[in-house]
Amino acid sequence: MVFTPVGDALQNKVNSHKSVKDQLEAARVLEAATQAFQEHFGEKDVADIKPLFLKNRTLTVTCASSVVSQEIRINQANIVKKINAILGNKEVDRIRYLS
């Protein structure tokens, strides 16, 4: 009898189900975006920003104020660069913000 390590079994399961893999990747992008926003805005202002989803390499976020959305617009290139650096590859091209 051959035993498969649990980590390997989980990885095989994730790889065999595209929707699960896509959901994990999306969660990874949202986590990286949250981290990048924390680094850029600090703890106080980051509470006003919530990454929602990634579609067609565009990250959609919601902002509690128009001031924060303007700050994101002005610094979009730097924030996108930070997100991609955290991820280790280019997953995000632009940010769309809802206020």
N, C-alpha and C. Protein backbone atom coordinates (compact mmCIF):
# COMPACT_ATOMS: atom_id res chain seq x y z
N MET A 1 0.84 -1.17 0.00
CA MET A 1 0.00 0.00 0.00
C MET A 1 0.90 1.25 0.00
N VAL A 2 0.56 2.22 -0.87
CA VAL A 2 1.33 3.45 -0.97
C VAL A 2 0.47 4.60 -0.43
N PHE A 3 1.06 5.36 0.46
CA PHE A 3 0.37 6.51 1.04
C PHE A 3 0.81 7.79 0.33
N THR A 4 -0.15 8.66 0.09
CA THR A 4 0.14 9.95 -0.52
C THR A 4 0.11 11.01 0.58
N PRO A 5 1.15 11.83 0.67
CA PRO A 5 1.11 12.90 1.67
C PRO A 5 -0.10 13.80 1.46
N VAL A 6 -0.67 14.30 2.54
CA VAL A 6 -1.87 15.12 2.48
C VAL A 6 -1.66 16.35 1.61
N GLY A 7 -0.51 17.00 1.75
CA GLY A 7 -0.22 18.18 0.93
C GLY A 7 -0.25 17.87 -0.55
N ASP A 8 0.33 16.74 -0.94
CA ASP A 8 0.32 16.33 -2.35
C ASP A 8 -1.09 16.02 -2.82
N ALA A 9 -1.88 15.37 -1.97
CA ALA A 9 -3.26 15.03 -2.33
C ALA A 9 -4.08 16.29 -2.54
N LEU A 10 -3.90 17.28 -1.65
CA LEU A 10 -4.63 18.54 -1.81
C LEU A 10 -4.20 19.27 -3.07
N GLN A 11 -2.90 19.32 -3.33
CA GLN A 11 -2.40 19.99 -4.53
C GLN A 11 -2.95 19.33 -5.79
N ASN A 12 -2.98 18.00 -5.82
CA ASN A 12 -3.53 17.28 -6.96
C ASN A 12 -5.01 17.59 -7.15
N LYS A 13 -5.74 17.68 -6.05
CA LYS A 13 -7.18 17.98 -6.11
C LYS A 13 -7.40 19.39 -6.65
N VAL A 14 -6.63 20.35 -6.15
CA VAL A 14 -6.76 21.74 -6.61
C VAL A 14 -6.43 21.84 -8.09
N ASN A 15 -5.35 21.19 -8.51
CA ASN A 15 -4.95 21.26 -9.91
C ASN A 15 -5.94 20.59 -10.85
N SER A 16 -6.67 19.61 -10.35
CA SER A 16 -7.62 18.90 -11.20
C SER A 16 -8.96 19.63 -11.34
N HIS A 17 -9.20 20.61 -10.51
CA HIS A 17 -10.45 21.38 -10.56
C HIS A 17 -10.13 22.84 -10.86
N LYS A 18 -10.34 23.24 -12.09
CA LYS A 18 -9.98 24.59 -12.52
C LYS A 18 -10.68 25.68 -11.70
N SER A 19 -11.94 25.49 -11.37
CA SER A 19 -12.66 26.52 -10.63
C SER A 19 -12.06 26.74 -9.24
N VAL A 20 -11.64 25.67 -8.58
CA VAL A 20 -11.00 25.79 -7.27
C VAL A 20 -9.67 26.51 -7.42
N LYS A 21 -8.92 26.14 -8.43
CA LYS A 21 -7.63 26.78 -8.68
C LYS A 21 -7.81 28.28 -8.97
N ASP A 22 -8.81 28.63 -9.77
CA ASP A 22 -9.08 30.03 -10.09
C ASP A 22 -9.49 30.81 -8.84
N GLN A 23 -10.29 30.20 -7.98
CA GLN A 23 -10.72 30.87 -6.75
C GLN A 23 -9.54 31.10 -5.81
N LEU A 24 -8.65 30.13 -5.71
CA LEU A 24 -7.46 30.30 -4.88
C LEU A 24 -6.55 31.40 -5.42
N GLU A 25 -6.40 31.46 -6.73
CA GLU A 25 -5.58 32.50 -7.35
C GLU A 25 -6.21 33.88 -7.14
N ALA A 26 -7.52 33.96 -7.25
CA ALA A 26 -8.21 35.23 -7.03
C ALA A 26 -8.03 35.69 -5.58
N ALA A 27 -8.13 34.77 -4.65
CA ALA A 27 -7.94 35.10 -3.24
C ALA A 27 -6.51 35.58 -3.00
N ARG A 28 -5.56 34.97 -3.67
CA ARG A 28 -4.15 35.36 -3.55
C ARG A 28 -3.95 36.80 -4.06
N VAL A 29 -4.60 37.15 -5.16
CA VAL A 29 -4.50 38.50 -5.72
C VAL A 29 -5.12 39.51 -4.76
N LEU A 30 -6.29 39.20 -4.20
CA LEU A 30 -6.95 40.12 -3.28
C LEU A 30 -6.10 40.32 -2.02
N GLU A 31 -5.48 39.26 -1.55
CA GLU A 31 -4.60 39.37 -0.38
C GLU A 31 -3.39 40.25 -0.68
N ALA A 32 -2.80 40.07 -1.85
CA ALA A 32 -1.66 40.89 -2.27
C ALA A 32 -2.08 42.36 -2.41
N ALA A 33 -3.27 42.59 -2.95
CA ALA A 33 -3.77 43.95 -3.10
C ALA A 33 -3.96 44.61 -1.74
N THR A 34 -4.52 43.88 -0.80
CA THR A 34 -4.70 44.41 0.55
C THR A 34 -3.36 44.79 1.16
N GLN A 35 -2.38 43.93 0.99
CA GLN A 35 -1.04 44.20 1.51
C GLN A 35 -0.44 45.45 0.85
N ALA A 36 -0.58 45.56 -0.46
CA ALA A 36 -0.04 46.71 -1.18
C ALA A 36 -0.72 48.01 -0.75
N PHE A 37 -2.03 47.97 -0.55
CA PHE A 37 -2.74 49.15 -0.08
C PHE A 37 -2.31 49.53 1.34
N GLN A 38 -2.08 48.52 2.19
CA GLN A 38 -1.60 48.81 3.55
C GLN A 38 -0.24 49.48 3.51
N GLU A 39 0.64 49.00 2.64
CA GLU A 39 1.97 49.59 2.52
C GLU A 39 1.89 51.02 1.99
N HIS A 40 0.98 51.26 1.07
CA HIS A 40 0.89 52.58 0.45
C HIS A 40 0.15 53.59 1.33
N PHE A 41 -0.99 53.19 1.90
CA PHE A 41 -1.85 54.11 2.63
C PHE A 41 -1.66 54.07 4.14
N GLY A 42 -1.14 53.00 4.67
CA GLY A 42 -1.05 52.85 6.12
C GLY A 42 -2.32 52.25 6.69
N GLU A 43 -2.26 51.88 7.95
CA GLU A 43 -3.37 51.17 8.59
C GLU A 43 -4.65 52.01 8.66
N LYS A 44 -4.51 53.30 8.89
CA LYS A 44 -5.69 54.15 9.09
C LYS A 44 -6.56 54.23 7.83
N ASP A 45 -5.96 54.57 6.71
CA ASP A 45 -6.72 54.78 5.48
C ASP A 45 -7.09 53.49 4.76
N VAL A 46 -6.37 52.42 5.01
CA VAL A 46 -6.65 51.18 4.29
C VAL A 46 -8.02 50.60 4.68
N ALA A 47 -8.56 51.01 5.83
CA ALA A 47 -9.89 50.55 6.22
C ALA A 47 -10.96 51.06 5.25
N ASP A 48 -10.64 52.11 4.50
CA ASP A 48 -11.59 52.68 3.55
C ASP A 48 -11.54 52.02 2.17
N ILE A 49 -10.64 51.03 2.00
CA ILE A 49 -10.43 50.39 0.70
C ILE A 49 -10.67 48.90 0.83
N LYS A 50 -11.47 48.33 -0.08
CA LYS A 50 -11.71 46.89 -0.05
C LYS A 50 -11.58 46.34 -1.47
N PRO A 51 -10.55 45.51 -1.71
CA PRO A 51 -10.45 44.84 -3.02
C PRO A 51 -11.61 43.86 -3.18
N LEU A 52 -12.29 43.91 -4.31
CA LEU A 52 -13.47 43.08 -4.54
C LEU A 52 -13.18 41.86 -5.41
N PHE A 53 -12.64 42.10 -6.62
CA PHE A 53 -12.39 40.98 -7.53
C PHE A 53 -11.43 41.41 -8.63
N LEU A 54 -10.90 40.40 -9.32
CA LEU A 54 -10.01 40.61 -10.47
C LEU A 54 -10.68 40.01 -11.69
N LYS A 55 -10.81 40.81 -12.73
CA LYS A 55 -11.39 40.32 -13.99
C LYS A 55 -10.63 40.96 -15.13
N ASN A 56 -10.17 40.14 -16.05
CA ASN A 56 -9.41 40.60 -17.20
C ASN A 56 -8.24 41.50 -16.79
N ARG A 57 -7.55 41.08 -15.74
CA ARG A 57 -6.35 41.74 -15.23
C ARG A 57 -6.63 43.13 -14.66
N THR A 58 -7.93 43.44 -14.42
CA THR A 58 -8.34 44.69 -13.81
C THR A 58 -8.85 44.39 -12.40
N LEU A 59 -8.21 44.99 -11.41
CA LEU A 59 -8.61 44.83 -10.02
C LEU A 59 -9.67 45.87 -9.70
N THR A 60 -10.83 45.42 -9.23
CA THR A 60 -11.89 46.33 -8.83
C THR A 60 -11.89 46.45 -7.31
N VAL A 61 -11.87 47.69 -6.84
CA VAL A 61 -11.89 47.95 -5.40
C VAL A 61 -13.02 48.92 -5.09
N THR A 62 -13.50 48.88 -3.87
CA THR A 62 -14.48 49.86 -3.42
C THR A 62 -13.79 50.78 -2.42
N CYS A 63 -14.16 52.05 -2.49
CA CYS A 63 -13.56 53.07 -1.63
C CYS A 63 -14.67 53.76 -0.85
N ALA A 64 -14.38 54.06 0.41
CA ALA A 64 -15.37 54.72 1.26
C ALA A 64 -15.48 56.21 0.96
N SER A 65 -14.47 56.76 0.29
CA SER A 65 -14.53 58.19 0.01
C SER A 65 -13.92 58.49 -1.35
N SER A 66 -14.33 59.60 -1.91
CA SER A 66 -13.79 60.00 -3.20
C SER A 66 -12.33 60.45 -3.08
N VAL A 67 -11.95 60.89 -1.90
CA VAL A 67 -10.56 61.29 -1.67
C VAL A 67 -9.64 60.09 -1.83
N VAL A 68 -10.04 58.95 -1.26
CA VAL A 68 -9.24 57.73 -1.37
C VAL A 68 -9.20 57.25 -2.81
N SER A 69 -10.33 57.28 -3.51
CA SER A 69 -10.34 56.83 -4.90
C SER A 69 -9.46 57.73 -5.76
N GLN A 70 -9.43 59.01 -5.47
CA GLN A 70 -8.54 59.93 -6.20
C GLN A 70 -7.08 59.59 -5.93
N GLU A 71 -6.76 59.28 -4.69
CA GLU A 71 -5.39 58.90 -4.32
C GLU A 71 -4.98 57.61 -5.05
N ILE A 72 -5.91 56.67 -5.17
CA ILE A 72 -5.63 55.44 -5.92
C ILE A 72 -5.38 55.77 -7.39
N ARG A 73 -6.22 56.63 -7.96
CA ARG A 73 -6.06 57.01 -9.36
C ARG A 73 -4.70 57.65 -9.61
N ILE A 74 -4.30 58.55 -8.74
CA ILE A 74 -3.03 59.25 -8.90
C ILE A 74 -1.84 58.30 -8.78
N ASN A 75 -1.94 57.32 -7.89
CA ASN A 75 -0.82 56.41 -7.62
C ASN A 75 -1.03 55.01 -8.19
N GLN A 76 -1.93 54.88 -9.15
CA GLN A 76 -2.29 53.57 -9.69
C GLN A 76 -1.07 52.77 -10.18
N ALA A 77 -0.19 53.39 -10.93
CA ALA A 77 0.97 52.67 -11.48
C ALA A 77 1.83 52.08 -10.37
N ASN A 78 2.09 52.86 -9.33
CA ASN A 78 2.91 52.37 -8.22
C ASN A 78 2.22 51.25 -7.44
N ILE A 79 0.91 51.40 -7.24
CA ILE A 79 0.16 50.37 -6.49
C ILE A 79 0.12 49.07 -7.30
N VAL A 80 -0.13 49.16 -8.60
CA VAL A 80 -0.15 47.98 -9.45
C VAL A 80 1.22 47.29 -9.43
N LYS A 81 2.27 48.09 -9.48
CA LYS A 81 3.63 47.54 -9.43
C LYS A 81 3.88 46.80 -8.12
N LYS A 82 3.39 47.36 -7.00
CA LYS A 82 3.54 46.71 -5.70
C LYS A 82 2.79 45.39 -5.65
N ILE A 83 1.56 45.39 -6.15
CA ILE A 83 0.74 44.17 -6.14
C ILE A 83 1.45 43.08 -6.93
N ASN A 84 1.91 43.40 -8.13
CA ASN A 84 2.58 42.42 -8.97
C ASN A 84 3.90 41.95 -8.35
N ALA A 85 4.59 42.84 -7.66
CA ALA A 85 5.83 42.44 -6.98
C ALA A 85 5.54 41.45 -5.86
N ILE A 86 4.48 41.69 -5.12
CA ILE A 86 4.08 40.77 -4.04
C ILE A 86 3.72 39.41 -4.62
N LEU A 87 3.01 39.40 -5.74
CA LEU A 87 2.59 38.15 -6.38
C LEU A 87 3.74 37.43 -7.07
N GLY A 88 4.75 38.18 -7.48
CA GLY A 88 5.88 37.58 -8.18
C GLY A 88 5.66 37.43 -9.68
N ASN A 89 4.55 37.94 -10.18
CA ASN A 89 4.29 37.95 -11.62
C ASN A 89 3.25 39.02 -11.93
N LYS A 90 3.05 39.27 -13.21
CA LYS A 90 2.15 40.36 -13.61
C LYS A 90 0.73 39.82 -13.75
N GLU A 91 -0.05 40.01 -12.70
CA GLU A 91 -1.45 39.57 -12.69
C GLU A 91 -2.41 40.75 -12.88
N VAL A 92 -1.98 41.95 -12.48
CA VAL A 92 -2.86 43.12 -12.48
C VAL A 92 -2.27 44.18 -13.43
N ASP A 93 -3.12 44.71 -14.31
CA ASP A 93 -2.72 45.78 -15.22
C ASP A 93 -3.23 47.14 -14.77
N ARG A 94 -4.40 47.16 -14.16
CA ARG A 94 -5.01 48.44 -13.77
C ARG A 94 -5.95 48.24 -12.61
N ILE A 95 -6.36 49.35 -12.01
CA ILE A 95 -7.29 49.33 -10.88
C ILE A 95 -8.53 50.12 -11.26
N ARG A 96 -9.66 49.54 -11.02
CA ARG A 96 -10.96 50.21 -11.20
C ARG A 96 -11.51 50.44 -9.81
N TYR A 97 -11.93 51.62 -9.52
CA TYR A 97 -12.37 51.93 -8.16
C TYR A 97 -13.82 52.42 -8.18
N LEU A 98 -14.56 51.97 -7.20
CA LEU A 98 -15.95 52.36 -7.00
C LEU A 98 -16.00 53.13 -5.70
N SER A 99 -16.67 54.27 -5.70
CA SER A 99 -16.77 55.02 -4.45
C SER A 99 -18.20 55.35 -4.13
